[in-house]
Full PDB file with SEQRES, HELIX, SHEET, SSBOND, CRYST1, ORIGX, SCALE, CONECT and MASTER records, all heavy atoms in Angstrom:
SEQRES   1 A   41  ALA LEU GLY ARG GLU ASP LEU LEU ALA SER GLY PHE ASP          
SEQRES   2 A   41  GLU GLU THR VAL GLU THR VAL VAL SER LEU VAL ASP ARG          
SEQRES   3 A   41  ALA GLU TRP LYS ARG ARG GLN TYR PRO ILE GLY PRO LYS          
SEQRES   4 A   41  VAL THR                                                      
HELIX    1 AA1 ARG A    4  ALA A    9  1                                   6    
HELIX    2 AA2 GLU A   14  ARG A   26  1                                  13    
HELIX    3 AA3 GLU A   28  ARG A   31  1                                   4    
CRYST1    1.000    1.000    1.000  90.00  90.00  90.00 P 1           1          
ORIGX1      1.000000  0.000000  0.000000        0.00000                         
ORIGX2      0.000000  1.000000  0.000000        0.00000                         
ORIGX3      0.000000  0.000000  1.000000        0.00000                         
SCALE1      1.000000  0.000000  0.000000        0.00000                         
SCALE2      0.000000  1.000000  0.000000        0.00000                         
SCALE3      0.000000  0.000000  1.000000        0.00000                         
ATOM      1  N   ALA A   1     -20.514   7.274   3.458  1.00  0.00           N  
ATOM      2  CA  ALA A   1     -20.518   8.202   4.598  1.00  0.00           C  
ATOM      3  C   ALA A   1     -21.527   7.821   5.677  1.00  0.00           C  
ATOM      4  O   ALA A   1     -22.112   8.696   6.333  1.00  0.00           O  
ATOM      5  CB  ALA A   1     -20.759   9.631   4.114  1.00  0.00           C  
ATOM      6  N   LEU A   2     -21.742   6.530   5.912  1.00  0.00           N  
ATOM      7  CA  LEU A   2     -22.616   6.114   7.001  1.00  0.00           C  
ATOM      8  C   LEU A   2     -21.878   6.239   8.334  1.00  0.00           C  
ATOM      9  O   LEU A   2     -20.682   5.969   8.423  1.00  0.00           O  
ATOM     10  CB  LEU A   2     -23.071   4.665   6.806  1.00  0.00           C  
ATOM     11  CG  LEU A   2     -23.874   4.355   5.544  1.00  0.00           C  
ATOM     12  CD1 LEU A   2     -24.364   2.917   5.591  1.00  0.00           C  
ATOM     13  CD2 LEU A   2     -25.041   5.309   5.366  1.00  0.00           C  
ATOM     14  N   GLY A   3     -22.577   6.634   9.378  1.00  0.00           N  
ATOM     15  CA  GLY A   3     -22.001   6.717  10.705  1.00  0.00           C  
ATOM     16  C   GLY A   3     -22.136   5.405  11.449  1.00  0.00           C  
ATOM     17  O   GLY A   3     -22.677   4.419  10.932  1.00  0.00           O  
ATOM     18  N   ARG A   4     -21.666   5.375  12.706  1.00  0.00           N  
ATOM     19  CA  ARG A   4     -21.692   4.135  13.476  1.00  0.00           C  
ATOM     20  C   ARG A   4     -23.100   3.563  13.604  1.00  0.00           C  
ATOM     21  O   ARG A   4     -23.311   2.373  13.391  1.00  0.00           O  
ATOM     22  CB  ARG A   4     -21.091   4.390  14.859  1.00  0.00           C  
ATOM     23  CG  ARG A   4     -19.577   4.495  14.875  1.00  0.00           C  
ATOM     24  CD  ARG A   4     -19.091   4.874  16.271  1.00  0.00           C  
ATOM     25  NE  ARG A   4     -17.643   4.777  16.358  1.00  0.00           N  
ATOM     26  CZ  ARG A   4     -16.806   5.684  15.864  1.00  0.00           C  
ATOM     27  NH1 ARG A   4     -17.292   6.748  15.228  1.00  0.00           N  
ATOM     28  NH2 ARG A   4     -15.498   5.532  15.986  1.00  0.00           N  
ATOM     29  N   GLU A   5     -24.055   4.402  13.984  1.00  0.00           N  
ATOM     30  CA  GLU A   5     -25.414   3.912  14.164  1.00  0.00           C  
ATOM     31  C   GLU A   5     -25.978   3.373  12.850  1.00  0.00           C  
ATOM     32  O   GLU A   5     -26.688   2.363  12.824  1.00  0.00           O  
ATOM     33  CB  GLU A   5     -26.304   5.029  14.719  1.00  0.00           C  
ATOM     34  CG  GLU A   5     -25.894   5.530  16.103  1.00  0.00           C  
ATOM     35  CD  GLU A   5     -25.828   4.397  17.122  1.00  0.00           C  
ATOM     36  OE1 GLU A   5     -26.736   3.539  17.110  1.00  0.00           O  
ATOM     37  OE2 GLU A   5     -24.855   4.354  17.912  1.00  0.00           O  
ATOM     38  N   ASP A   6     -25.667   4.049  11.740  1.00  0.00           N  
ATOM     39  CA  ASP A   6     -26.129   3.580  10.429  1.00  0.00           C  
ATOM     40  C   ASP A   6     -25.506   2.233  10.076  1.00  0.00           C  
ATOM     41  O   ASP A   6     -26.168   1.360   9.497  1.00  0.00           O  
ATOM     42  CB  ASP A   6     -25.776   4.600   9.344  1.00  0.00           C  
ATOM     43  CG  ASP A   6     -26.430   5.951   9.566  1.00  0.00           C  
ATOM     44  OD1 ASP A   6     -27.598   5.962   9.970  1.00  0.00           O  
ATOM     45  OD2 ASP A   6     -25.763   6.973   9.349  1.00  0.00           O  
ATOM     46  N   LEU A   7     -24.231   2.068  10.416  1.00  0.00           N  
ATOM     47  CA  LEU A   7     -23.559   0.807  10.118  1.00  0.00           C  
ATOM     48  C   LEU A   7     -24.172  -0.342  10.907  1.00  0.00           C  
ATOM     49  O   LEU A   7     -24.380  -1.434  10.372  1.00  0.00           O  
ATOM     50  CB  LEU A   7     -22.063   0.930  10.439  1.00  0.00           C  
ATOM     51  CG  LEU A   7     -21.257   1.887   9.558  1.00  0.00           C  
ATOM     52  CD1 LEU A   7     -19.851   2.082  10.127  1.00  0.00           C  
ATOM     53  CD2 LEU A   7     -21.172   1.358   8.131  1.00  0.00           C  
ATOM     54  N   LEU A   8     -24.465  -0.089  12.179  1.00  0.00           N  
ATOM     55  CA  LEU A   8     -25.094  -1.120  13.005  1.00  0.00           C  
ATOM     56  C   LEU A   8     -26.483  -1.450  12.479  1.00  0.00           C  
ATOM     57  O   LEU A   8     -26.884  -2.621  12.416  1.00  0.00           O  
ATOM     58  CB  LEU A   8     -25.168  -0.659  14.459  1.00  0.00           C  
ATOM     59  CG  LEU A   8     -23.815  -0.484  15.166  1.00  0.00           C  
ATOM     60  CD1 LEU A   8     -24.011   0.139  16.544  1.00  0.00           C  
ATOM     61  CD2 LEU A   8     -23.102  -1.830  15.300  1.00  0.00           C  
ATOM     62  N   ALA A   9     -27.215  -0.421  12.067  1.00  0.00           N  
ATOM     63  CA  ALA A   9     -28.560  -0.634  11.520  1.00  0.00           C  
ATOM     64  C   ALA A   9     -28.513  -1.402  10.204  1.00  0.00           C  
ATOM     65  O   ALA A   9     -29.493  -2.062   9.829  1.00  0.00           O  
ATOM     66  CB  ALA A   9     -29.261   0.708  11.330  1.00  0.00           C  
ATOM     67  N   SER A  10     -27.368  -1.328   9.508  1.00  0.00           N  
ATOM     68  CA  SER A  10     -27.223  -2.042   8.235  1.00  0.00           C  
ATOM     69  C   SER A  10     -26.924  -3.522   8.428  1.00  0.00           C  
ATOM     70  O   SER A  10     -26.875  -4.272   7.448  1.00  0.00           O  
ATOM     71  CB  SER A  10     -26.099  -1.408   7.402  1.00  0.00           C  
ATOM     72  OG  SER A  10     -26.413  -0.068   7.085  1.00  0.00           O  
ATOM     73  N   GLY A  11     -26.688  -3.933   9.679  1.00  0.00           N  
ATOM     74  CA  GLY A  11     -26.484  -5.342   9.961  1.00  0.00           C  
ATOM     75  C   GLY A  11     -25.072  -5.740  10.325  1.00  0.00           C  
ATOM     76  O   GLY A  11     -24.816  -6.918  10.615  1.00  0.00           O  
ATOM     77  N   PHE A  12     -24.118  -4.805  10.310  1.00  0.00           N  
ATOM     78  CA  PHE A  12     -22.759  -5.135  10.715  1.00  0.00           C  
ATOM     79  C   PHE A  12     -22.711  -5.275  12.236  1.00  0.00           C  
ATOM     80  O   PHE A  12     -23.365  -4.515  12.957  1.00  0.00           O  
ATOM     81  CB  PHE A  12     -21.781  -4.053  10.274  1.00  0.00           C  
ATOM     82  CG  PHE A  12     -21.685  -3.886   8.789  1.00  0.00           C  
ATOM     83  CD1 PHE A  12     -22.151  -2.740   8.166  1.00  0.00           C  
ATOM     84  CD2 PHE A  12     -21.132  -4.884   7.998  1.00  0.00           C  
ATOM     85  CE1 PHE A  12     -22.080  -2.574   6.791  1.00  0.00           C  
ATOM     86  CE2 PHE A  12     -21.042  -4.732   6.618  1.00  0.00           C  
ATOM     87  CZ  PHE A  12     -21.524  -3.586   6.013  1.00  0.00           C  
ATOM     88  N   ASP A  13     -21.921  -6.245  12.729  1.00  0.00           N  
ATOM     89  CA  ASP A  13     -21.863  -6.442  14.177  1.00  0.00           C  
ATOM     90  C   ASP A  13     -21.052  -5.341  14.847  1.00  0.00           C  
ATOM     91  O   ASP A  13     -20.172  -4.720  14.227  1.00  0.00           O  
ATOM     92  CB  ASP A  13     -21.282  -7.815  14.518  1.00  0.00           C  
ATOM     93  CG  ASP A  13     -19.804  -7.926  14.183  1.00  0.00           C  
ATOM     94  OD1 ASP A  13     -18.971  -7.567  15.027  1.00  0.00           O  
ATOM     95  OD2 ASP A  13     -19.492  -8.350  13.051  1.00  0.00           O  
ATOM     96  N   GLU A  14     -21.343  -5.098  16.097  1.00  0.00           N  
ATOM     97  CA  GLU A  14     -20.779  -3.950  16.812  1.00  0.00           C  
ATOM     98  C   GLU A  14     -19.258  -4.026  16.918  1.00  0.00           C  
ATOM     99  O   GLU A  14     -18.567  -3.013  16.759  1.00  0.00           O  
ATOM    100  CB  GLU A  14     -21.391  -3.854  18.212  1.00  0.00           C  
ATOM    101  CG  GLU A  14     -20.947  -2.614  18.978  1.00  0.00           C  
ATOM    102  CD  GLU A  14     -21.708  -2.441  20.282  1.00  0.00           C  
ATOM    103  OE1 GLU A  14     -22.563  -3.295  20.590  1.00  0.00           O  
ATOM    104  OE2 GLU A  14     -21.442  -1.446  20.990  1.00  0.00           O  
ATOM    105  N   GLU A  15     -18.718  -5.203  17.182  1.00  0.00           N  
ATOM    106  CA  GLU A  15     -17.268  -5.333  17.324  1.00  0.00           C  
ATOM    107  C   GLU A  15     -16.548  -4.982  16.019  1.00  0.00           C  
ATOM    108  O   GLU A  15     -15.540  -4.262  16.019  1.00  0.00           O  
ATOM    109  CB  GLU A  15     -16.907  -6.752  17.743  1.00  0.00           C  
ATOM    110  CG  GLU A  15     -15.396  -6.953  17.935  1.00  0.00           C  
ATOM    111  CD  GLU A  15     -15.049  -8.366  18.360  1.00  0.00           C  
ATOM    112  OE1 GLU A  15     -15.966  -9.191  18.545  1.00  0.00           O  
ATOM    113  OE2 GLU A  15     -13.833  -8.660  18.485  1.00  0.00           O  
ATOM    114  N   THR A  16     -17.085  -5.467  14.892  1.00  0.00           N  
ATOM    115  CA  THR A  16     -16.474  -5.162  13.593  1.00  0.00           C  
ATOM    116  C   THR A  16     -16.549  -3.675  13.299  1.00  0.00           C  
ATOM    117  O   THR A  16     -15.574  -3.061  12.849  1.00  0.00           O  
ATOM    118  CB  THR A  16     -17.166  -5.957  12.467  1.00  0.00           C  
ATOM    119  OG1 THR A  16     -17.015  -7.353  12.716  1.00  0.00           O  
ATOM    120  CG2 THR A  16     -16.568  -5.605  11.112  1.00  0.00           C  
ATOM    121  N   VAL A  17     -17.716  -3.083  13.544  1.00  0.00           N  
ATOM    122  CA  VAL A  17     -17.891  -1.651  13.285  1.00  0.00           C  
ATOM    123  C   VAL A  17     -16.913  -0.835  14.117  1.00  0.00           C  
ATOM    124  O   VAL A  17     -16.238   0.067  13.598  1.00  0.00           O  
ATOM    125  CB  VAL A  17     -19.343  -1.219  13.573  1.00  0.00           C  
ATOM    126  CG1 VAL A  17     -19.459   0.308  13.584  1.00  0.00           C  
ATOM    127  CG2 VAL A  17     -20.287  -1.812  12.541  1.00  0.00           C  
ATOM    128  N   GLU A  18     -16.816  -1.129  15.404  1.00  0.00           N  
ATOM    129  CA  GLU A  18     -15.930  -0.360  16.273  1.00  0.00           C  
ATOM    130  C   GLU A  18     -14.473  -0.527  15.858  1.00  0.00           C  
ATOM    131  O   GLU A  18     -13.701   0.442  15.825  1.00  0.00           O  
ATOM    132  CB  GLU A  18     -16.105  -0.781  17.727  1.00  0.00           C  
ATOM    133  CG  GLU A  18     -15.339   0.070  18.725  1.00  0.00           C  
ATOM    134  CD  GLU A  18     -15.753   1.522  18.702  1.00  0.00           C  
ATOM    135  OE1 GLU A  18     -16.940   1.804  18.442  1.00  0.00           O  
ATOM    136  OE2 GLU A  18     -14.882   2.390  18.935  1.00  0.00           O  
ATOM    137  N   THR A  19     -14.100  -1.747  15.493  1.00  0.00           N  
ATOM    138  CA  THR A  19     -12.717  -1.996  15.069  1.00  0.00           C  
ATOM    139  C   THR A  19     -12.377  -1.223  13.798  1.00  0.00           C  
ATOM    140  O   THR A  19     -11.373  -0.512  13.730  1.00  0.00           O  
ATOM    141  CB  THR A  19     -12.510  -3.499  14.823  1.00  0.00           C  
ATOM    142  OG1 THR A  19     -12.693  -4.208  16.042  1.00  0.00           O  
ATOM    143  CG2 THR A  19     -11.104  -3.760  14.288  1.00  0.00           C  
ATOM    144  N   VAL A  20     -13.223  -1.359  12.787  1.00  0.00           N  
ATOM    145  CA  VAL A  20     -12.921  -0.749  11.499  1.00  0.00           C  
ATOM    146  C   VAL A  20     -12.971   0.769  11.582  1.00  0.00           C  
ATOM    147  O   VAL A  20     -12.062   1.456  11.110  1.00  0.00           O  
ATOM    148  CB  VAL A  20     -13.891  -1.266  10.413  1.00  0.00           C  
ATOM    149  CG1 VAL A  20     -13.670  -0.514   9.099  1.00  0.00           C  
ATOM    150  CG2 VAL A  20     -13.699  -2.763  10.199  1.00  0.00           C  
ATOM    151  N   VAL A  21     -14.018   1.309  12.184  1.00  0.00           N  
ATOM    152  CA  VAL A  21     -14.157   2.762  12.256  1.00  0.00           C  
ATOM    153  C   VAL A  21     -13.018   3.382  13.058  1.00  0.00           C  
ATOM    154  O   VAL A  21     -12.460   4.423  12.671  1.00  0.00           O  
ATOM    155  CB  VAL A  21     -15.521   3.149  12.855  1.00  0.00           C  
ATOM    156  CG1 VAL A  21     -15.579   4.641  13.166  1.00  0.00           C  
ATOM    157  CG2 VAL A  21     -16.636   2.774  11.896  1.00  0.00           C  
ATOM    158  N   SER A  22     -12.629   2.745  14.137  1.00  0.00           N  
ATOM    159  CA  SER A  22     -11.513   3.267  14.939  1.00  0.00           C  
ATOM    160  C   SER A  22     -10.206   3.238  14.162  1.00  0.00           C  
ATOM    161  O   SER A  22      -9.419   4.189  14.192  1.00  0.00           O  
ATOM    162  CB  SER A  22     -11.377   2.455  16.231  1.00  0.00           C  
ATOM    163  OG  SER A  22     -12.514   2.593  17.045  1.00  0.00           O  
ATOM    164  N   LEU A  23      -9.965   2.142  13.438  1.00  0.00           N  
ATOM    165  CA  LEU A  23      -8.752   2.055  12.629  1.00  0.00           C  
ATOM    166  C   LEU A  23      -8.734   3.128  11.547  1.00  0.00           C  
ATOM    167  O   LEU A  23      -7.705   3.777  11.311  1.00  0.00           O  
ATOM    168  CB  LEU A  23      -8.655   0.676  11.980  1.00  0.00           C  
ATOM    169  CG  LEU A  23      -8.288  -0.501  12.888  1.00  0.00           C  
ATOM    170  CD1 LEU A  23      -8.436  -1.822  12.135  1.00  0.00           C  
ATOM    171  CD2 LEU A  23      -6.864  -0.358  13.425  1.00  0.00           C  
ATOM    172  N   VAL A  24      -9.867   3.323  10.877  1.00  0.00           N  
ATOM    173  CA  VAL A  24      -9.942   4.325   9.811  1.00  0.00           C  
ATOM    174  C   VAL A  24      -9.679   5.716  10.366  1.00  0.00           C  
ATOM    175  O   VAL A  24      -8.891   6.497   9.807  1.00  0.00           O  
ATOM    176  CB  VAL A  24     -11.315   4.275   9.109  1.00  0.00           C  
ATOM    177  CG1 VAL A  24     -11.479   5.456   8.156  1.00  0.00           C  
ATOM    178  CG2 VAL A  24     -11.473   2.967   8.339  1.00  0.00           C  
ATOM    179  N   ASP A  25     -10.331   6.052  11.478  1.00  0.00           N  
ATOM    180  CA  ASP A  25     -10.174   7.397  12.040  1.00  0.00           C  
ATOM    181  C   ASP A  25      -8.742   7.645  12.522  1.00  0.00           C  
ATOM    182  O   ASP A  25      -8.206   8.745  12.351  1.00  0.00           O  
ATOM    183  CB  ASP A  25     -11.155   7.610  13.189  1.00  0.00           C  
ATOM    184  CG  ASP A  25     -12.592   7.766  12.699  1.00  0.00           C  
ATOM    185  OD1 ASP A  25     -12.805   7.762  11.477  1.00  0.00           O  
ATOM    186  OD2 ASP A  25     -13.495   7.888  13.552  1.00  0.00           O  
ATOM    187  N   ARG A  26      -8.116   6.631  13.093  1.00  0.00           N  
ATOM    188  CA  ARG A  26      -6.761   6.823  13.620  1.00  0.00           C  
ATOM    189  C   ARG A  26      -5.709   6.926  12.519  1.00  0.00           C  
ATOM    190  O   ARG A  26      -4.599   7.401  12.764  1.00  0.00           O  
ATOM    191  CB  ARG A  26      -6.396   5.678  14.566  1.00  0.00           C  
ATOM    192  CG  ARG A  26      -7.077   5.726  15.909  1.00  0.00           C  
ATOM    193  CD  ARG A  26      -6.303   4.924  16.940  1.00  0.00           C  
ATOM    194  NE  ARG A  26      -6.145   3.535  16.560  1.00  0.00           N  
ATOM    195  CZ  ARG A  26      -6.976   2.549  16.935  1.00  0.00           C  
ATOM    196  NH1 ARG A  26      -8.044   2.831  17.663  1.00  0.00           N  
ATOM    197  NH2 ARG A  26      -6.759   1.304  16.582  1.00  0.00           N  
ATOM    198  N   ALA A  27      -6.044   6.482  11.311  1.00  0.00           N  
ATOM    199  CA  ALA A  27      -5.043   6.425  10.234  1.00  0.00           C  
ATOM    200  C   ALA A  27      -5.061   7.640   9.324  1.00  0.00           C  
ATOM    201  O   ALA A  27      -4.337   7.664   8.329  1.00  0.00           O  
ATOM    202  CB  ALA A  27      -5.256   5.155   9.401  1.00  0.00           C  
ATOM    203  N   GLU A  28      -5.872   8.654   9.643  1.00  0.00           N  
ATOM    204  CA  GLU A  28      -5.969   9.803   8.743  1.00  0.00           C  
ATOM    205  C   GLU A  28      -4.613  10.468   8.528  1.00  0.00           C  
ATOM    206  O   GLU A  28      -4.281  10.892   7.422  1.00  0.00           O  
ATOM    207  CB  GLU A  28      -6.977  10.814   9.288  1.00  0.00           C  
ATOM    208  CG  GLU A  28      -7.148  12.068   8.444  1.00  0.00           C  
ATOM    209  CD  GLU A  28      -7.839  11.826   7.104  1.00  0.00           C  
ATOM    210  OE1 GLU A  28      -8.219  10.668   6.826  1.00  0.00           O  
ATOM    211  OE2 GLU A  28      -8.012  12.792   6.335  1.00  0.00           O  
ATOM    212  N   TRP A  29      -3.807  10.564   9.577  1.00  0.00           N  
ATOM    213  CA  TRP A  29      -2.499  11.216   9.444  1.00  0.00           C  
ATOM    214  C   TRP A  29      -1.600  10.464   8.466  1.00  0.00           C  
ATOM    215  O   TRP A  29      -0.814  11.085   7.731  1.00  0.00           O  
ATOM    216  CB  TRP A  29      -1.823  11.344  10.813  1.00  0.00           C  
ATOM    217  CG  TRP A  29      -1.354  10.036  11.385  1.00  0.00           C  
ATOM    218  CD1 TRP A  29      -2.094   9.101  12.034  1.00  0.00           C  
ATOM    219  CD2 TRP A  29      -0.020   9.527  11.331  1.00  0.00           C  
ATOM    220  NE1 TRP A  29      -1.320   8.029  12.399  1.00  0.00           N  
ATOM    221  CE2 TRP A  29      -0.036   8.274  11.991  1.00  0.00           C  
ATOM    222  CE3 TRP A  29       1.187   9.993  10.810  1.00  0.00           C  
ATOM    223  CZ2 TRP A  29       1.107   7.488  12.125  1.00  0.00           C  
ATOM    224  CZ3 TRP A  29       2.321   9.209  10.949  1.00  0.00           C  
ATOM    225  CH2 TRP A  29       2.271   7.974  11.602  1.00  0.00           C  
ATOM    226  N   LYS A  30      -1.730   9.148   8.432  1.00  0.00           N  
ATOM    227  CA  LYS A  30      -0.945   8.370   7.470  1.00  0.00           C  
ATOM    228  C   LYS A  30      -1.421   8.618   6.037  1.00  0.00           C  
ATOM    229  O   LYS A  30      -0.610   8.788   5.119  1.00  0.00           O  
ATOM    230  CB  LYS A  30      -1.069   6.866   7.767  1.00  0.00           C  
ATOM    231  CG  LYS A  30      -0.227   6.344   8.905  1.00  0.00           C  
ATOM    232  CD  LYS A  30      -0.318   4.831   8.911  1.00  0.00           C  
ATOM    233  CE  LYS A  30       0.554   4.229   9.983  1.00  0.00           C  
ATOM    234  NZ  LYS A  30       0.521   2.742   9.950  1.00  0.00           N  
ATOM    235  N   ARG A  31      -2.725   8.630   5.861  1.00  0.00           N  
ATOM    236  CA  ARG A  31      -3.259   8.810   4.507  1.00  0.00           C  
ATOM    237  C   ARG A  31      -2.841  10.146   3.912  1.00  0.00           C  
ATOM    238  O   ARG A  31      -2.642  10.269   2.704  1.00  0.00           O  
ATOM    239  CB  ARG A  31      -4.788   8.693   4.530  1.00  0.00           C  
ATOM    240  CG  ARG A  31      -5.286   7.284   4.757  1.00  0.00           C  
ATOM    241  CD  ARG A  31      -6.780   7.192   4.527  1.00  0.00           C  
ATOM    242  NE  ARG A  31      -7.520   7.897   5.559  1.00  0.00           N  
ATOM    243  CZ  ARG A  31      -7.909   7.366   6.713  1.00  0.00           C  
ATOM    244  NH1 ARG A  31      -7.624   6.113   6.987  1.00  0.00           N  
ATOM    245  NH2 ARG A  31      -8.597   8.081   7.581  1.00  0.00           N  
ATOM    246  N   ARG A  32      -2.721  11.162   4.760  1.00  0.00           N  
ATOM    247  CA  ARG A  32      -2.340  12.485   4.270  1.00  0.00           C  
ATOM    248  C   ARG A  32      -0.911  12.506   3.739  1.00  0.00           C  
ATOM    249  O   ARG A  32      -0.518  13.421   3.013  1.00  0.00           O  
ATOM    250  CB  ARG A  32      -2.498  13.524   5.379  1.00  0.00           C  
ATOM    251  CG  ARG A  32      -3.946  13.776   5.760  1.00  0.00           C  
ATOM    252  CD  ARG A  32      -4.627  14.683   4.767  1.00  0.00           C  
ATOM    253  NE  ARG A  32      -6.084  14.554   4.802  1.00  0.00           N  
ATOM    254  CZ  ARG A  32      -6.933  15.357   4.189  1.00  0.00           C  
ATOM    255  NH1 ARG A  32      -6.451  16.369   3.470  1.00  0.00           N  
ATOM    256  NH2 ARG A  32      -8.223  15.170   4.256  1.00  0.00           N  
ATOM    257  N   GLN A  33      -0.107  11.517   4.106  1.00  0.00           N  
ATOM    258  CA  GLN A  33       1.289  11.476   3.671  1.00  0.00           C  
ATOM    259  C   GLN A  33       1.531  10.437   2.579  1.00  0.00           C  
ATOM    260  O   GLN A  33       2.661  10.278   2.114  1.00  0.00           O  
ATOM    261  CB  GLN A  33       2.199  11.161   4.867  1.00  0.00           C  
ATOM    262  CG  GLN A  33       2.114  12.188   5.988  1.00  0.00           C  
ATOM    263  CD  GLN A  33       3.079  11.876   7.111  1.00  0.00           C  
ATOM    264  OE1 GLN A  33       4.301  11.899   6.940  1.00  0.00           O  
ATOM    265  NE2 GLN A  33       2.548  11.565   8.280  1.00  0.00           N  
ATOM    266  N   TYR A  34       0.482   9.737   2.176  1.00  0.00           N  
ATOM    267  CA  TYR A  34       0.660   8.669   1.201  1.00  0.00           C  
ATOM    268  C   TYR A  34       0.863   9.253  -0.190  1.00  0.00           C  
ATOM    269  O   TYR A  34       0.363  10.346  -0.500  1.00  0.00           O  
ATOM    270  CB  TYR A  34      -0.574   7.759   1.213  1.00  0.00           C  
ATOM    271  CG  TYR A  34      -0.301   6.357   0.746  1.00  0.00           C  
ATOM    272  CD1 TYR A  34       0.358   5.447   1.575  1.00  0.00           C  
ATOM    273  CD2 TYR A  34      -0.711   5.928  -0.503  1.00  0.00           C  
ATOM    274  CE1 TYR A  34       0.604   4.151   1.150  1.00  0.00           C  
ATOM    275  CE2 TYR A  34      -0.475   4.628  -0.939  1.00  0.00           C  
ATOM    276  CZ  TYR A  34       0.196   3.751  -0.104  1.00  0.00           C  
ATOM    277  OH  TYR A  34       0.447   2.466  -0.532  1.00  0.00           O  
ATOM    278  N   PRO A  35       1.591   8.564  -1.051  1.00  0.00           N  
ATOM    279  CA  PRO A  35       1.810   9.086  -2.411  1.00  0.00           C  
ATOM    280  C   PRO A  35       0.506   9.290  -3.164  1.00  0.00           C  
ATOM    281  O   PRO A  35      -0.520   8.679  -2.864  1.00  0.00           O  
ATOM    282  CB  PRO A  35       2.663   7.999  -3.072  1.00  0.00           C  
ATOM    283  CG  PRO A  35       3.263   7.227  -1.958  1.00  0.00           C  
ATOM    284  CD  PRO A  35       2.301   7.294  -0.830  1.00  0.00           C  
ATOM    285  N   ILE A  36       0.561  10.109  -4.172  1.00  0.00           N  
ATOM    286  CA  ILE A  36      -0.571  10.344  -5.053  1.00  0.00           C  
ATOM    287  C   ILE A  36      -0.879   9.072  -5.844  1.00  0.00           C  
ATOM    288  O   ILE A  36       0.014   8.263  -6.111  1.00  0.00           O  
ATOM    289  CB  ILE A  36      -0.257  11.522  -5.999  1.00  0.00           C  
ATOM    290  CG1 ILE A  36      -1.518  12.029  -6.677  1.00  0.00           C  
ATOM    291  CG2 ILE A  36       0.814  11.145  -7.029  1.00  0.00           C  
ATOM    292  CD1 ILE A  36      -1.278  13.309  -7.447  1.00  0.00           C  
ATOM    293  N   GLY A  37      -2.147   8.886  -6.182  1.00  0.00           N  
ATOM    294  CA  GLY A  37      -2.542   7.737  -6.985  1.00  0.00           C  
ATOM    295  C   GLY A  37      -3.801   8.053  -7.771  1.00  0.00           C  
ATOM    296  O   GLY A  37      -4.492   9.033  -7.476  1.00  0.00           O  
ATOM    297  N   PRO A  38      -4.149   7.250  -8.770  1.00  0.00           N  
ATOM    298  CA  PRO A  38      -5.286   7.571  -9.643  1.00  0.00           C  
ATOM    299  C   PRO A  38      -6.622   7.430  -8.923  1.00  0.00           C  
ATOM    300  O   PRO A  38      -6.895   6.414  -8.278  1.00  0.00           O  
ATOM    301  CB  PRO A  38      -5.164   6.550 -10.781  1.00  0.00           C  
ATOM    302  CG  PRO A  38      -4.449   5.393 -10.160  1.00  0.00           C  
ATOM    303  CD  PRO A  38      -3.500   5.976  -9.162  1.00  0.00           C  
ATOM    304  N   LYS A  39      -7.464   8.434  -9.057  1.00  0.00           N  
ATOM    305  CA  LYS A  39      -8.811   8.406  -8.493  1.00  0.00           C  
ATOM    306  C   LYS A  39      -9.707   7.619  -9.443  1.00  0.00           C  
ATOM    307  O   LYS A  39      -9.899   8.011 -10.589  1.00  0.00           O  
ATOM    308  CB  LYS A  39      -9.342   9.826  -8.324  1.00  0.00           C  
ATOM    309  CG  LYS A  39     -10.801   9.929  -7.909  1.00  0.00           C  
ATOM    310  CD  LYS A  39     -11.223  11.385  -7.796  1.00  0.00           C  
ATOM    311  CE  LYS A  39     -12.729  11.544  -7.777  1.00  0.00           C  
ATOM    312  NZ  LYS A  39     -13.374  10.872  -6.660  1.00  0.00           N  
ATOM    313  N   VAL A  40     -10.279   6.507  -8.956  1.00  0.00           N  
ATOM    314  CA  VAL A  40     -11.119   5.675  -9.807  1.00  0.00           C  
ATOM    315  C   VAL A  40     -12.499   5.414  -9.199  1.00  0.00           C  
ATOM    316  O   VAL A  40     -13.326   4.746  -9.808  1.00  0.00           O  
ATOM    317  CB  VAL A  40     -10.438   4.318 -10.127  1.00  0.00           C  
ATOM    318  CG1 VAL A  40      -9.185   4.536 -10.963  1.00  0.00           C  
ATOM    319  CG2 VAL A  40     -10.099   3.557  -8.847  1.00  0.00           C  
ATOM    320  N   THR A  41     -12.754   5.940  -7.993  1.00  0.00           N  
ATOM    321  CA  THR A  41     -14.067   5.815  -7.384  1.00  0.00           C  
ATOM    322  C   THR A  41     -14.600   7.213  -7.072  1.00  0.00           C  
ATOM    323  O   THR A  41     -13.893   8.214  -7.198  1.00  0.00           O  
ATOM    324  CB  THR A  41     -14.021   5.002  -6.074  1.00  0.00           C  
ATOM    325  OG1 THR A  41     -13.370   5.774  -5.049  1.00  0.00           O  
ATOM    326  CG2 THR A  41     -13.292   3.684  -6.274  1.00  0.00           C  
TER     327      THR A  41                                                      
MASTER        0    0    0    3    0    0    0    6  326    1    0    4          
END                                                                             
């Protein structure tokens, strides 16, 4: 649950952070429709 600033402080480059975080946030509607699967984490 690290935020953008935390991710940058952890050493990830800004372009990667912005790309990944934006993709994750935009895909929430898809995840809500995905089939059930085993929780292992």
